[in-house]
Amino acid sequence: MADYRKFHDYAAEIEKRLRLQTYVLAVKRLKDEKEIPKGAERPMKDYGYHMPLCQGFALSRKEDKTIAMIKEDMWCFEPIVGYGWEPPPQYFMDGNNRYPQDVKDLEAGKNYASDFPKMETGKYKGVVSASLSGVNFTPDMILIYCNSPQLSLLLLGREYMDGHDLPCHLSSHAACVYSVVPVINSGQYQVAVPCRGDRYFALAGDEELIFTVPTPRIEDLLTGLRHLEKYGSRLPRNPSMMREPQFPESYRKLLKMLT
């Protein structure tokens, strides 16, 4: 029997360090319905209605539910295309999804469709989400809904290992796609913005952003956060408007070199 306690421990540490308002979200792709974990709820089977994926994610991160969804459960086409469950319709690729309500012409709509992150078509058939603190499967990644100070600390923790900046694939649409697919395609962390659907229908807060961590990098992130805490980068942190605030020694040396 698989042991998922390390994920539960990760969740406890992340939630404590960041003072999160909702559970850390665990997400896994499903190749078929046989991979649906025990105890998972299905929108059509268990609730009797379809659901956009953002609501499924919200039930996991807000109510600690394990939610499994396949194409038949979906009320939004975006993850069906983005997760590669079906090839994108030509109508979508021609730009009609965004024109005329969001972009000035069909050419701009085509650009959106071309840029839209997509997984390999036909490889996976579903997705399951749960709180990391109670997960009973091995996730592909974790999503952390966070505010700006929490995101800043997470980015510092990520940078600890190699110091590089984080390139991101950002859009105002399809948070369920932009927070997940670039991580699968690149193996890297990702920052995403809750889309209108996430805010309108899944109750994402106005202050919330999304930070996604590939499962193999969780321990690296925590190593960085543990190190940062030793030097005072932690939450909560009281702000100060003192005159000539105390900066680290390296800052003072560099300023002296330049002035």
C-alpha atoms as a PDB file:
ATOM      1  CA  MET A   1       0.000   0.000   0.000  1.00  0.00           C
ATOM      2  CA  ALA A   2       1.319   3.418  -0.956  1.00  0.00           C
ATOM      3  CA  ASP A   3       2.268   5.780   1.842  1.00  0.00           C
ATOM      4  CA  TYR A   4       1.129   9.359   1.286  1.00  0.00           C
ATOM      5  CA  ARG A   5       2.168  10.707   4.686  1.00  0.00           C
ATOM      6  CA  LYS A   6       5.072  12.672   3.231  1.00  0.00           C
ATOM      7  CA  PHE A   7       2.564  14.709   1.208  1.00  0.00           C
ATOM      8  CA  HIS A   8       0.484  15.307   4.326  1.00  0.00           C
ATOM      9  CA  ASP A   9       3.644  16.507   6.084  1.00  0.00           C
ATOM     10  CA  TYR A  10       4.500  18.783   3.154  1.00  0.00           C
ATOM     11  CA  ALA A  11       1.020  20.288   3.351  1.00  0.00           C
ATOM     12  CA  ALA A  12       1.266  20.928   7.078  1.00  0.00           C
ATOM     13  CA  GLU A  13       4.607  22.702   6.708  1.00  0.00           C
ATOM     14  CA  ILE A  14       3.566  24.794   3.698  1.00  0.00           C
ATOM     15  CA  GLU A  15       0.292  25.847   5.286  1.00  0.00           C
ATOM     16  CA  LYS A  16       2.044  26.802   8.527  1.00  0.00           C
ATOM     17  CA  ARG A  17       4.887  28.712   6.881  1.00  0.00           C
ATOM     18  CA  LEU A  18       2.631  30.666   4.537  1.00  0.00           C
ATOM     19  CA  ARG A  19      -0.403  31.163   6.814  1.00  0.00           C
ATOM     20  CA  LEU A  20      -2.656  30.024   3.964  1.00  0.00           C
ATOM     21  CA  GLN A  21      -6.411  30.593   3.942  1.00  0.00           C
ATOM     22  CA  THR A  22      -7.212  27.440   1.928  1.00  0.00           C
ATOM     23  CA  TYR A  23      -5.711  23.971   1.583  1.00  0.00           C
ATOM     24  CA  VAL A  24      -2.777  23.293  -0.713  1.00  0.00           C
ATOM     25  CA  LEU A  25      -4.317  21.737  -3.834  1.00  0.00           C
ATOM     26  CA  ALA A  26      -3.013  18.424  -5.198  1.00  0.00           C
ATOM     27  CA  VAL A  27      -3.693  17.680  -8.879  1.00  0.00           C
ATOM     28  CA  LYS A  28      -3.135  14.504 -10.900  1.00  0.00           C
ATOM     29  CA  ARG A  29      -3.925  13.568 -14.499  1.00  0.00           C
ATOM     30  CA  LEU A  30      -5.885  10.367 -15.091  1.00  0.00           C
ATOM     31  CA  LYS A  31      -5.301   8.018 -18.022  1.00  0.00           C
ATOM     32  CA  ASP A  32      -8.691   6.372 -17.503  1.00  0.00           C
ATOM     33  CA  GLU A  33     -11.474   6.008 -14.958  1.00  0.00           C
ATOM     34  CA  LYS A  34      -9.712   3.047 -13.338  1.00  0.00           C
ATOM     35  CA  GLU A  35      -7.192   5.503 -11.894  1.00  0.00           C
ATOM     36  CA  ILE A  36      -9.840   7.456  -9.979  1.00  0.00           C
ATOM     37  CA  PRO A  37      -8.813   7.154  -6.309  1.00  0.00           C
ATOM     38  CA  LYS A  38     -11.046   5.635  -3.677  1.00  0.00           C
ATOM     39  CA  GLY A  39     -13.449   8.119  -2.125  1.00  0.00           C
ATOM     40  CA  ALA A  40     -13.333  10.588  -5.004  1.00  0.00           C
ATOM     41  CA  GLU A  41     -16.605  12.263  -5.928  1.00  0.00           C
ATOM     42  CA  ARG A  42     -17.760  12.759  -9.522  1.00  0.00           C
ATOM     43  CA  PRO A  43     -19.992  15.728 -10.433  1.00  0.00           C
ATOM     44  CA  MET A  44     -22.424  13.872 -12.712  1.00  0.00           C
ATOM     45  CA  LYS A  45     -22.400  10.587 -10.814  1.00  0.00           C
ATOM     46  CA  ASP A  46     -22.542  11.966  -7.275  1.00  0.00           C
ATOM     47  CA  TYR A  47     -24.144  15.404  -7.674  1.00  0.00           C
ATOM     48  CA  GLY A  48     -26.240  14.936 -10.792  1.00  0.00           C
ATOM     49  CA  TYR A  49     -24.914  17.959 -12.653  1.00  0.00           C
ATOM     50  CA  HIS A  50     -21.960  19.190 -14.692  1.00  0.00           C
ATOM     51  CA  MET A  51     -19.292  21.412 -13.198  1.00  0.00           C
ATOM     52  CA  PRO A  52     -16.545  23.699 -14.486  1.00  0.00           C
ATOM     53  CA  LEU A  53     -13.162  22.440 -13.342  1.00  0.00           C
ATOM     54  CA  CYS A  54     -12.507  25.603 -11.336  1.00  0.00           C
ATOM     55  CA  GLN A  55     -15.407  24.614  -9.064  1.00  0.00           C
ATOM     56  CA  GLY A  56     -13.955  21.129  -8.653  1.00  0.00           C
ATOM     57  CA  PHE A  57     -10.625  22.629  -7.643  1.00  0.00           C
ATOM     58  CA  ALA A  58     -12.431  24.982  -5.254  1.00  0.00           C
ATOM     59  CA  LEU A  59     -14.242  22.097  -3.550  1.00  0.00           C
ATOM     60  CA  SER A  60     -10.865  20.460  -2.959  1.00  0.00           C
ATOM     61  CA  ARG A  61      -9.026  23.502  -1.653  1.00  0.00           C
ATOM     62  CA  LYS A  62     -11.917  24.989   0.334  1.00  0.00           C
ATOM     63  CA  GLU A  63     -13.904  21.937   1.504  1.00  0.00           C
ATOM     64  CA  ASP A  64     -11.247  19.194   1.525  1.00  0.00           C
ATOM     65  CA  LYS A  65     -13.092  17.075  -1.061  1.00  0.00           C
ATOM     66  CA  THR A  66     -11.475  14.724  -3.556  1.00  0.00           C
ATOM     67  CA  ILE A  67     -13.020  15.510  -6.944  1.00  0.00           C
ATOM     68  CA  ALA A  68     -12.467  13.443 -10.096  1.00  0.00           C
ATOM     69  CA  MET A  69     -13.628  14.762 -13.455  1.00  0.00           C
ATOM     70  CA  ILE A  70     -13.654  13.356 -16.975  1.00  0.00           C
ATOM     71  CA  LYS A  71     -15.039  14.887 -20.151  1.00  0.00           C
ATOM     72  CA  GLU A  72     -18.627  13.946 -19.300  1.00  0.00           C
ATOM     73  CA  ASP A  73     -18.456  15.933 -16.036  1.00  0.00           C
ATOM     74  CA  MET A  74     -17.233  19.160 -17.631  1.00  0.00           C
ATOM     75  CA  TRP A  75     -19.232  22.367 -18.012  1.00  0.00           C
ATOM     76  CA  CYS A  76     -16.330  24.285 -19.572  1.00  0.00           C
ATOM     77  CA  PHE A  77     -14.478  23.279 -22.744  1.00  0.00           C
ATOM     78  CA  GLU A  78     -11.118  24.832 -21.824  1.00  0.00           C
ATOM     79  CA  PRO A  79      -9.611  21.935 -19.828  1.00  0.00           C
ATOM     80  CA  ILE A  80     -10.909  19.440 -22.409  1.00  0.00           C
ATOM     81  CA  VAL A  81      -8.719  21.180 -24.994  1.00  0.00           C
ATOM     82  CA  GLY A  82      -5.884  22.230 -22.690  1.00  0.00           C
ATOM     83  CA  TYR A  83      -5.504  18.824 -21.036  1.00  0.00           C
ATOM     84  CA  GLY A  84      -5.555  17.072 -24.417  1.00  0.00           C
ATOM     85  CA  TRP A  85      -8.713  15.047 -23.859  1.00  0.00           C
ATOM     86  CA  GLU A  86      -9.908  16.064 -27.321  1.00  0.00           C
ATOM     87  CA  PRO A  87      -8.225  17.930 -30.191  1.00  0.00           C
ATOM     88  CA  PRO A  88      -9.143  21.633 -30.363  1.00  0.00           C
ATOM     89  CA  PRO A  89     -12.074  22.316 -32.730  1.00  0.00           C
ATOM     90  CA  GLN A  90     -11.269  24.420 -35.779  1.00  0.00           C
ATOM     91  CA  TYR A  91     -13.866  26.911 -34.528  1.00  0.00           C
ATOM     92  CA  PHE A  92     -11.605  27.497 -31.520  1.00  0.00           C
ATOM     93  CA  MET A  93      -8.408  27.683 -33.566  1.00  0.00           C
ATOM     94  CA  ASP A  94     -10.064  30.203 -35.914  1.00  0.00           C
ATOM     95  CA  GLY A  95     -10.383  32.639 -33.003  1.00  0.00           C
ATOM     96  CA  ASN A  96     -14.117  32.490 -32.352  1.00  0.00           C
ATOM     97  CA  ASN A  97     -13.785  31.788 -28.636  1.00  0.00           C
ATOM     98  CA  ARG A  98     -12.400  35.278 -27.916  1.00  0.00           C
ATOM     99  CA  TYR A  99     -13.851  37.384 -30.736  1.00  0.00           C
ATOM    100  CA  PRO A 100     -15.738  39.709 -30.483  1.00  0.00           C
ATOM    101  CA  GLN A 101     -16.117  39.930 -26.697  1.00  0.00           C
ATOM    102  CA  ASP A 102     -12.417  39.915 -25.714  1.00  0.00           C
ATOM    103  CA  VAL A 103     -10.260  40.780 -28.731  1.00  0.00           C
ATOM    104  CA  LYS A 104     -10.525  43.253 -31.601  1.00  0.00           C
ATOM    105  CA  ASP A 105     -10.627  40.770 -34.485  1.00  0.00           C
ATOM    106  CA  LEU A 106     -10.435  37.098 -35.422  1.00  0.00           C
ATOM    107  CA  GLU A 107      -6.704  37.350 -36.018  1.00  0.00           C
ATOM    108  CA  ALA A 108      -6.201  38.252 -32.359  1.00  0.00           C
ATOM    109  CA  GLY A 109      -8.530  35.388 -31.450  1.00  0.00           C
ATOM    110  CA  LYS A 110      -6.374  33.026 -33.515  1.00  0.00           C
ATOM    111  CA  ASN A 111      -3.286  34.233 -31.680  1.00  0.00           C
ATOM    112  CA  TYR A 112      -4.944  33.442 -28.360  1.00  0.00           C
ATOM    113  CA  ALA A 113      -5.901  29.958 -29.553  1.00  0.00           C
ATOM    114  CA  SER A 114      -2.390  29.341 -30.851  1.00  0.00           C
ATOM    115  CA  ASP A 115      -0.800  30.439 -27.563  1.00  0.00           C
ATOM    116  CA  PHE A 116      -3.284  28.451 -25.446  1.00  0.00           C
ATOM    117  CA  PRO A 117      -1.287  25.793 -23.520  1.00  0.00           C
ATOM    118  CA  LYS A 118      -2.081  22.248 -24.609  1.00  0.00           C
ATOM    119  CA  MET A 119      -0.988  18.799 -23.493  1.00  0.00           C
ATOM    120  CA  GLU A 120      -0.496  15.899 -25.875  1.00  0.00           C
ATOM    121  CA  THR A 121      -3.877  14.892 -27.287  1.00  0.00           C
ATOM    122  CA  GLY A 122      -5.346  11.551 -26.266  1.00  0.00           C
ATOM    123  CA  LYS A 123      -2.870  10.587 -23.563  1.00  0.00           C
ATOM    124  CA  TYR A 124      -5.081  11.438 -20.592  1.00  0.00           C
ATOM    125  CA  LYS A 125      -8.830  11.266 -20.017  1.00  0.00           C
ATOM    126  CA  GLY A 126      -9.436  12.951 -16.674  1.00  0.00           C
ATOM    127  CA  VAL A 127      -8.124  14.833 -13.664  1.00  0.00           C
ATOM    128  CA  VAL A 128      -8.443  14.456  -9.908  1.00  0.00           C
ATOM    129  CA  SER A 129      -7.899  17.085  -7.228  1.00  0.00           C
ATOM    130  CA  ALA A 130      -7.715  16.937  -3.447  1.00  0.00           C
ATOM    131  CA  SER A 131      -6.227  18.769  -0.518  1.00  0.00           C
ATOM    132  CA  LEU A 132      -2.572  17.828  -0.165  1.00  0.00           C
ATOM    133  CA  SER A 133      -3.140  17.381   3.564  1.00  0.00           C
ATOM    134  CA  GLY A 134      -5.458  14.415   2.962  1.00  0.00           C
ATOM    135  CA  VAL A 135      -4.390  13.198  -0.462  1.00  0.00           C
ATOM    136  CA  ASN A 136      -4.569   9.457  -1.217  1.00  0.00           C
ATOM    137  CA  PHE A 137      -2.752   9.581  -4.557  1.00  0.00           C
ATOM    138  CA  THR A 138       0.590  10.846  -5.839  1.00  0.00           C
ATOM    139  CA  PRO A 139      -0.043  14.255  -7.421  1.00  0.00           C
ATOM    140  CA  ASP A 140       1.636  15.559 -10.545  1.00  0.00           C
ATOM    141  CA  MET A 141       1.818  18.991  -8.944  1.00  0.00           C
ATOM    142  CA  ILE A 142       0.495  21.176  -6.161  1.00  0.00           C
ATOM    143  CA  LEU A 143      -1.283  24.507  -6.554  1.00  0.00           C
ATOM    144  CA  ILE A 144      -0.993  27.109  -3.811  1.00  0.00           C
ATOM    145  CA  TYR A 145      -3.580  29.886  -3.835  1.00  0.00           C
ATOM    146  CA  CYS A 146      -1.761  32.761  -2.184  1.00  0.00           C
ATOM    147  CA  ASN A 147      -1.636  36.519  -1.763  1.00  0.00           C
ATOM    148  CA  SER A 148       1.192  38.799  -2.882  1.00  0.00           C
ATOM    149  CA  PRO A 149       3.407  38.508   0.250  1.00  0.00           C
ATOM    150  CA  GLN A 150       2.988  34.731   0.230  1.00  0.00           C
ATOM    151  CA  LEU A 151       3.858  34.569  -3.466  1.00  0.00           C
ATOM    152  CA  SER A 152       6.951  36.693  -2.856  1.00  0.00           C
ATOM    153  CA  LEU A 153       8.144  34.249  -0.204  1.00  0.00           C
ATOM    154  CA  LEU A 154       7.398  31.267  -2.459  1.00  0.00           C
ATOM    155  CA  LEU A 155       9.406  32.801  -5.286  1.00  0.00           C
ATOM    156  CA  LEU A 156      12.306  33.422  -2.904  1.00  0.00           C
ATOM    157  CA  GLY A 157      12.115  29.791  -1.830  1.00  0.00           C
ATOM    158  CA  ARG A 158      12.125  28.649  -5.447  1.00  0.00           C
ATOM    159  CA  GLU A 159      15.150  30.821  -6.277  1.00  0.00           C
ATOM    160  CA  TYR A 160      17.221  29.347  -3.436  1.00  0.00           C
ATOM    161  CA  MET A 161      18.433  26.376  -5.486  1.00  0.00           C
ATOM    162  CA  ASP A 162      19.632  28.085  -8.671  1.00  0.00           C
ATOM    163  CA  GLY A 163      18.940  31.827  -8.416  1.00  0.00           C
ATOM    164  CA  HIS A 164      17.249  32.033 -11.817  1.00  0.00           C
ATOM    165  CA  ASP A 165      14.168  34.124 -12.541  1.00  0.00           C
ATOM    166  CA  LEU A 166      10.899  32.310 -13.279  1.00  0.00           C
ATOM    167  CA  PRO A 167       9.567  32.693 -16.842  1.00  0.00           C
ATOM    168  CA  CYS A 168       5.774  32.416 -16.825  1.00  0.00           C
ATOM    169  CA  HIS A 169       3.050  31.773 -19.388  1.00  0.00           C
ATOM    170  CA  LEU A 170       0.450  34.317 -18.249  1.00  0.00           C
ATOM    171  CA  SER A 171      -3.092  34.963 -19.427  1.00  0.00           C
ATOM    172  CA  SER A 172      -6.307  36.400 -18.045  1.00  0.00           C
ATOM    173  CA  HIS A 173      -8.190  33.261 -19.138  1.00  0.00           C
ATOM    174  CA  ALA A 174      -8.462  29.582 -18.172  1.00  0.00           C
ATOM    175  CA  ALA A 175      -6.639  29.474 -14.844  1.00  0.00           C
ATOM    176  CA  CYS A 176      -7.248  25.713 -14.657  1.00  0.00           C
ATOM    177  CA  VAL A 177      -5.171  25.394 -17.833  1.00  0.00           C
ATOM    178  CA  TYR A 178      -2.516  28.064 -17.292  1.00  0.00           C
ATOM    179  CA  SER A 179      -1.745  26.861 -13.753  1.00  0.00           C
ATOM    180  CA  VAL A 180      -1.352  23.230 -14.850  1.00  0.00           C
ATOM    181  CA  VAL A 181      -0.387  22.663 -18.488  1.00  0.00           C
ATOM    182  CA  PRO A 182       2.820  24.767 -18.596  1.00  0.00           C
ATOM    183  CA  VAL A 183       4.046  22.817 -15.565  1.00  0.00           C
ATOM    184  CA  ILE A 184       3.450  19.506 -17.335  1.00  0.00           C
ATOM    185  CA  ASN A 185       5.062  20.702 -20.550  1.00  0.00           C
ATOM    186  CA  SER A 186       8.132  22.288 -18.943  1.00  0.00           C
ATOM    187  CA  GLY A 187       8.609  20.572 -15.587  1.00  0.00           C
ATOM    188  CA  GLN A 188       9.004  24.044 -14.071  1.00  0.00           C
ATOM    189  CA  TYR A 189       7.131  26.114 -11.519  1.00  0.00           C
ATOM    190  CA  GLN A 190       4.361  28.417 -12.735  1.00  0.00           C
ATOM    191  CA  VAL A 191       2.506  31.517 -11.568  1.00  0.00           C
ATOM    192  CA  ALA A 192      -1.049  31.983 -12.836  1.00  0.00           C
ATOM    193  CA  VAL A 193      -3.841  34.493 -12.344  1.00  0.00           C
ATOM    194  CA  PRO A 194      -7.341  33.338 -11.359  1.00  0.00           C
ATOM    195  CA  CYS A 195      -9.513  33.866 -14.424  1.00  0.00           C
ATOM    196  CA  ARG A 196     -13.015  35.302 -14.532  1.00  0.00           C
ATOM    197  CA  GLY A 197     -14.538  31.853 -14.134  1.00  0.00           C
ATOM    198  CA  ASP A 198     -12.366  31.099 -11.115  1.00  0.00           C
ATOM    199  CA  ARG A 199     -13.466  34.349  -9.493  1.00  0.00           C
ATOM    200  CA  TYR A 200     -17.093  34.502 -10.687  1.00  0.00           C
ATOM    201  CA  PHE A 201     -18.043  30.837 -10.239  1.00  0.00           C
ATOM    202  CA  ALA A 202     -15.426  29.279  -7.939  1.00  0.00           C
ATOM    203  CA  LEU A 203     -15.064  32.163  -5.459  1.00  0.00           C
ATOM    204  CA  ALA A 204     -11.348  32.845  -5.862  1.00  0.00           C
ATOM    205  CA  GLY A 205     -10.540  35.938  -3.809  1.00  0.00           C
ATOM    206  CA  ASP A 206      -9.575  39.284  -5.306  1.00  0.00           C
ATOM    207  CA  GLU A 207      -6.202  39.033  -3.549  1.00  0.00           C
ATOM    208  CA  GLU A 208      -5.418  35.478  -4.674  1.00  0.00           C
ATOM    209  CA  LEU A 209      -2.777  34.330  -7.156  1.00  0.00           C
ATOM    210  CA  ILE A 210      -1.737  30.775  -8.012  1.00  0.00           C
ATOM    211  CA  PHE A 211       1.722  29.282  -7.533  1.00  0.00           C
ATOM    212  CA  THR A 212       2.206  25.785  -8.962  1.00  0.00           C
ATOM    213  CA  VAL A 213       4.970  23.426  -7.895  1.00  0.00           C
ATOM    214  CA  PRO A 214       5.847  20.198  -9.764  1.00  0.00           C
ATOM    215  CA  THR A 215       5.790  17.365  -7.247  1.00  0.00           C
ATOM    216  CA  PRO A 216       9.509  16.497  -7.701  1.00  0.00           C
ATOM    217  CA  ARG A 217      10.394  20.070  -6.663  1.00  0.00           C
ATOM    218  CA  ILE A 218       8.380  20.318  -3.434  1.00  0.00           C
ATOM    219  CA  GLU A 219      11.326  19.325  -1.249  1.00  0.00           C
ATOM    220  CA  ASP A 220      13.571  21.868  -2.999  1.00  0.00           C
ATOM    221  CA  LEU A 221      11.010  24.588  -2.320  1.00  0.00           C
ATOM    222  CA  LEU A 222      10.778  23.677   1.355  1.00  0.00           C
ATOM    223  CA  THR A 223      14.569  23.583   1.644  1.00  0.00           C
ATOM    224  CA  GLY A 224      14.616  27.144   0.343  1.00  0.00           C
ATOM    225  CA  LEU A 225      11.879  28.316   2.693  1.00  0.00           C
ATOM    226  CA  ARG A 226      13.646  26.761   5.689  1.00  0.00           C
ATOM    227  CA  HIS A 227      16.887  28.511   4.770  1.00  0.00           C
ATOM    228  CA  LEU A 228      15.181  31.874   4.258  1.00  0.00           C
ATOM    229  CA  GLU A 229      13.558  31.721   7.673  1.00  0.00           C
ATOM    230  CA  LYS A 230      17.012  31.733   9.296  1.00  0.00           C
ATOM    231  CA  TYR A 231      17.656  35.152   7.735  1.00  0.00           C
ATOM    232  CA  GLY A 232      14.307  36.685   8.627  1.00  0.00           C
ATOM    233  CA  SER A 233      12.323  36.054   5.432  1.00  0.00           C
ATOM    234  CA  ARG A 234       9.175  34.515   6.857  1.00  0.00           C
ATOM    235  CA  LEU A 235       5.535  35.205   7.629  1.00  0.00           C
ATOM    236  CA  PRO A 236       4.151  37.048   9.412  1.00  0.00           C
ATOM    237  CA  ARG A 237       6.483  40.009   8.951  1.00  0.00           C
ATOM    238  CA  ASN A 238       5.635  43.456  10.283  1.00  0.00           C
ATOM    239  CA  PRO A 239       6.336  46.288   7.825  1.00  0.00           C
ATOM    240  CA  SER A 240       8.372  49.317   8.829  1.00  0.00           C
ATOM    241  CA  MET A 241       8.756  52.828   7.412  1.00  0.00           C
ATOM    242  CA  MET A 242      11.903  53.656   9.414  1.00  0.00           C
ATOM    243  CA  ARG A 243      14.372  56.150   7.986  1.00  0.00           C
ATOM    244  CA  GLU A 244      17.368  54.489   6.291  1.00  0.00           C
ATOM    245  CA  PRO A 245      16.227  50.957   7.149  1.00  0.00           C
ATOM    246  CA  GLN A 246      18.770  48.275   7.963  1.00  0.00           C
ATOM    247  CA  PHE A 247      19.677  46.405   4.760  1.00  0.00           C
ATOM    248  CA  PRO A 248      21.846  43.265   4.467  1.00  0.00           C
ATOM    249  CA  GLU A 249      25.605  43.813   4.308  1.00  0.00           C
ATOM    250  CA  SER A 250      25.801  42.920   0.600  1.00  0.00           C
ATOM    251  CA  TYR A 251      23.294  45.690  -0.187  1.00  0.00           C
ATOM    252  CA  ARG A 252      25.360  48.215   1.735  1.00  0.00           C
ATOM    253  CA  LYS A 253      28.571  47.157  -0.022  1.00  0.00           C
ATOM    254  CA  LEU A 254      26.984  47.397  -3.463  1.00  0.00           C
ATOM    255  CA  LEU A 255      25.489  50.801  -2.722  1.00  0.00           C
ATOM    256  CA  LYS A 256      28.911  52.044  -1.608  1.00  0.00           C
ATOM    257  CA  MET A 257      30.468  50.775  -4.850  1.00  0.00           C
ATOM    258  CA  LEU A 258      27.912  52.705  -6.889  1.00  0.00           C
ATOM    259  CA  THR A 259      27.736  56.030  -5.002  1.00  0.00           C
END
